[in-house]
C-alpha atoms as a PDB file:
ATOM      1  CA  UNK A   1      17.654  -6.423 -11.480  1.00  0.00           C
ATOM      2  CA  UNK A   2      20.025  -9.064 -10.080  1.00  0.00           C
ATOM      3  CA  UNK A   3      17.449 -11.634  -9.201  1.00  0.00           C
ATOM      4  CA  UNK A   4      15.920 -13.532 -12.144  1.00  0.00           C
ATOM      5  CA  UNK A   5      13.034 -16.033 -12.650  1.00  0.00           C
ATOM      6  CA  UNK A   6      13.599 -19.546 -11.397  1.00  0.00           C
ATOM      7  CA  UNK A   7      16.203 -18.430  -8.871  1.00  0.00           C
ATOM      8  CA  UNK A   8      16.064 -19.769  -5.340  1.00  0.00           C
ATOM      9  CA  UNK A   9      15.789 -16.990  -2.734  1.00  0.00           C
ATOM     10  CA  UNK A  10      15.488 -16.570   0.970  1.00  0.00           C
ATOM     11  CA  UNK A  11      13.316 -13.836   2.534  1.00  0.00           C
ATOM     12  CA  UNK A  12      15.335 -11.550   4.863  1.00  0.00           C
ATOM     13  CA  UNK A  13      12.636  -9.057   5.932  1.00  0.00           C
ATOM     14  CA  UNK A  14       8.855  -9.057   6.383  1.00  0.00           C
ATOM     15  CA  UNK A  15       6.239 -11.494   7.711  1.00  0.00           C
ATOM     16  CA  UNK A  16       7.790 -14.445   5.887  1.00  0.00           C
ATOM     17  CA  UNK A  17      11.295 -13.761   7.240  1.00  0.00           C
ATOM     18  CA  UNK A  18      13.504 -16.883   7.064  1.00  0.00           C
ATOM     19  CA  UNK A  19      11.441 -18.758   4.440  1.00  0.00           C
ATOM     20  CA  UNK A  20      12.787 -19.686   1.080  1.00  0.00           C
ATOM     21  CA  UNK A  21      11.274 -20.348  -2.292  1.00  0.00           C
ATOM     22  CA  UNK A  22      11.569 -20.184  -6.160  1.00  0.00           C
ATOM     23  CA  UNK A  23      10.959 -16.877  -7.978  1.00  0.00           C
ATOM     24  CA  UNK A  24       7.950 -17.247 -10.251  1.00  0.00           C
ATOM     25  CA  UNK A  25       7.851 -13.784 -11.807  1.00  0.00           C
ATOM     26  CA  UNK A  26      10.033 -10.652 -11.859  1.00  0.00           C
ATOM     27  CA  UNK A  27       8.405  -7.276 -12.129  1.00  0.00           C
ATOM     28  CA  UNK A  28      11.518  -5.086 -12.940  1.00  0.00           C
ATOM     29  CA  UNK A  29       9.593  -1.809 -13.274  1.00  0.00           C
ATOM     30  CA  UNK A  30       8.674  -1.826  -9.637  1.00  0.00           C
ATOM     31  CA  UNK A  31      11.654  -3.827  -8.385  1.00  0.00           C
ATOM     32  CA  UNK A  32       9.369  -6.514  -7.111  1.00  0.00           C
ATOM     33  CA  UNK A  33       9.310 -10.283  -7.320  1.00  0.00           C
ATOM     34  CA  UNK A  34       6.702 -13.032  -6.871  1.00  0.00           C
ATOM     35  CA  UNK A  35       8.036 -15.963  -4.806  1.00  0.00           C
ATOM     36  CA  UNK A  36       6.275 -19.422  -4.757  1.00  0.00           C
ATOM     37  CA  UNK A  37       4.502 -19.852  -1.304  1.00  0.00           C
ATOM     38  CA  UNK A  38       5.629 -16.499   0.012  1.00  0.00           C
ATOM     39  CA  UNK A  39       3.456 -13.472   0.927  1.00  0.00           C
ATOM     40  CA  UNK A  40       0.193 -15.396   0.486  1.00  0.00           C
ATOM     41  CA  UNK A  41      -3.027 -13.371   0.426  1.00  0.00           C
ATOM     42  CA  UNK A  42      -6.640 -14.606   0.252  1.00  0.00           C
ATOM     43  CA  UNK A  43      -8.935 -13.413  -2.602  1.00  0.00           C
ATOM     44  CA  UNK A  44     -12.741 -13.956  -2.366  1.00  0.00           C
ATOM     45  CA  UNK A  45     -14.357 -14.867  -5.646  1.00  0.00           C
ATOM     46  CA  UNK A  46     -18.029 -14.215  -6.145  1.00  0.00           C
ATOM     47  CA  UNK A  47     -20.220 -16.977  -7.607  1.00  0.00           C
ATOM     48  CA  UNK A  48     -20.815 -16.617 -11.318  1.00  0.00           C
ATOM     49  CA  UNK A  49     -24.118 -18.523 -11.602  1.00  0.00           C
ATOM     50  CA  UNK A  50     -26.949 -18.711  -9.220  1.00  0.00           C
ATOM     51  CA  UNK A  51     -26.778 -21.595  -6.813  1.00  0.00           C
ATOM     52  CA  UNK A  52     -23.093 -21.830  -7.254  1.00  0.00           C
ATOM     53  CA  UNK A  53     -20.861 -21.127  -4.082  1.00  0.00           C
ATOM     54  CA  UNK A  54     -18.263 -18.487  -3.854  1.00  0.00           C
ATOM     55  CA  UNK A  55     -14.655 -19.369  -3.316  1.00  0.00           C
ATOM     56  CA  UNK A  56     -11.605 -18.307  -1.346  1.00  0.00           C
ATOM     57  CA  UNK A  57      -8.401 -18.619  -3.265  1.00  0.00           C
ATOM     58  CA  UNK A  58      -4.837 -18.054  -1.798  1.00  0.00           C
ATOM     59  CA  UNK A  59      -2.274 -16.470  -4.126  1.00  0.00           C
ATOM     60  CA  UNK A  60       1.211 -15.105  -3.816  1.00  0.00           C
ATOM     61  CA  UNK A  61       1.545 -11.400  -4.094  1.00  0.00           C
ATOM     62  CA  UNK A  62       4.743  -9.441  -5.005  1.00  0.00           C
ATOM     63  CA  UNK A  63       7.423  -8.459  -2.420  1.00  0.00           C
ATOM     64  CA  UNK A  64      10.254  -5.948  -2.896  1.00  0.00           C
ATOM     65  CA  UNK A  65      13.279  -7.564  -4.300  1.00  0.00           C
ATOM     66  CA  UNK A  66      15.496  -5.901  -1.594  1.00  0.00           C
ATOM     67  CA  UNK A  67      13.689  -8.169   0.908  1.00  0.00           C
ATOM     68  CA  UNK A  68      15.128 -11.393  -0.700  1.00  0.00           C
ATOM     69  CA  UNK A  69      18.665 -12.726  -1.069  1.00  0.00           C
ATOM     70  CA  UNK A  70      19.798 -15.249  -3.646  1.00  0.00           C
ATOM     71  CA  UNK A  71      20.807 -18.750  -2.597  1.00  0.00           C
ATOM     72  CA  UNK A  72      23.700 -19.989  -4.709  1.00  0.00           C
ATOM     73  CA  UNK A  73      22.912 -23.160  -6.607  1.00  0.00           C
ATOM     74  CA  UNK A  74      26.556 -24.329  -6.304  1.00  0.00           C
ATOM     75  CA  UNK A  75      27.448 -23.678  -2.718  1.00  0.00           C
ATOM     76  CA  UNK A  76      23.860 -23.413  -1.246  1.00  0.00           C
ATOM     77  CA  UNK A  77      24.734 -20.287   0.774  1.00  0.00           C
ATOM     78  CA  UNK A  78      22.967 -16.984   0.820  1.00  0.00           C
ATOM     79  CA  UNK A  79      25.035 -14.607  -1.276  1.00  0.00           C
ATOM     80  CA  UNK A  80      25.269 -11.333  -3.070  1.00  0.00           C
ATOM     81  CA  UNK A  81      25.586 -11.277  -6.826  1.00  0.00           C
ATOM     82  CA  UNK A  82      28.463  -9.931  -8.838  1.00  0.00           C
ATOM     83  CA  UNK A  83      29.080  -9.678 -12.419  1.00  0.00           C
ATOM     84  CA  UNK A  84      31.906 -10.915 -14.662  1.00  0.00           C
ATOM     85  CA  UNK A  85      32.357  -9.596 -18.232  1.00  0.00           C
ATOM     86  CA  UNK A  86      34.232 -11.988 -20.427  1.00  0.00           C
ATOM     87  CA  UNK A  87      36.499 -11.046 -23.373  1.00  0.00           C
ATOM     88  CA  UNK A  88      33.832 -11.624 -25.876  1.00  0.00           C
ATOM     89  CA  UNK A  89      31.464  -9.154 -24.043  1.00  0.00           C
ATOM     90  CA  UNK A  90      29.216 -11.724 -22.413  1.00  0.00           C
ATOM     91  CA  UNK A  91      28.059 -10.740 -18.900  1.00  0.00           C
ATOM     92  CA  UNK A  92      27.647 -13.512 -16.324  1.00  0.00           C
ATOM     93  CA  UNK A  93      26.201 -13.374 -12.731  1.00  0.00           C
ATOM     94  CA  UNK A  94      28.744 -14.693 -10.224  1.00  0.00           C
ATOM     95  CA  UNK A  95      28.344 -15.705  -6.537  1.00  0.00           C
ATOM     96  CA  UNK A  96      30.409 -13.476  -4.315  1.00  0.00           C
ATOM     97  CA  UNK A  97      31.254 -16.295  -1.882  1.00  0.00           C
ATOM     98  CA  UNK A  98      32.333 -19.269  -4.073  1.00  0.00           C
ATOM     99  CA  UNK A  99      33.141 -17.241  -7.298  1.00  0.00           C
ATOM    100  CA  UNK A 100      31.122 -19.720  -9.502  1.00  0.00           C
ATOM    101  CA  UNK A 101      28.941 -18.772 -12.373  1.00  0.00           C
ATOM    102  CA  UNK A 102      25.231 -18.568 -11.558  1.00  0.00           C
ATOM    103  CA  UNK A 103      23.419 -20.197 -14.500  1.00  0.00           C
ATOM    104  CA  UNK A 104      19.861 -19.302 -15.338  1.00  0.00           C
ATOM    105  CA  UNK A 105      17.785 -22.478 -15.469  1.00  0.00           C
ATOM    106  CA  UNK A 106      15.291 -21.714 -18.317  1.00  0.00           C
ATOM    107  CA  UNK A 107      11.952 -23.548 -17.980  1.00  0.00           C
ATOM    108  CA  UNK A 108      10.717 -25.082 -21.270  1.00  0.00           C
END
């Protein structure tokens, strides 16, 4: 899958068309991604103790990865992703528009 966690993406299809956000989680088996603040659904939680009130919680649900396009961190444009294989065998993701390396920001 070309989209990774912590990438910034723009939604190009569906009810949240035109919105953008950061990828929280990638589910590669189903080709789906969870984007922060996109495809929000409400979940109703039952009360656990008597006298306590139930709650309504909003959470992001997965969308298909084909409905999102990467926003390049260097040129801030929507772009497709290419790959560049170096001489030592390392494979890097590359922006198709500005030809710059797309680094993965790892959250610690």
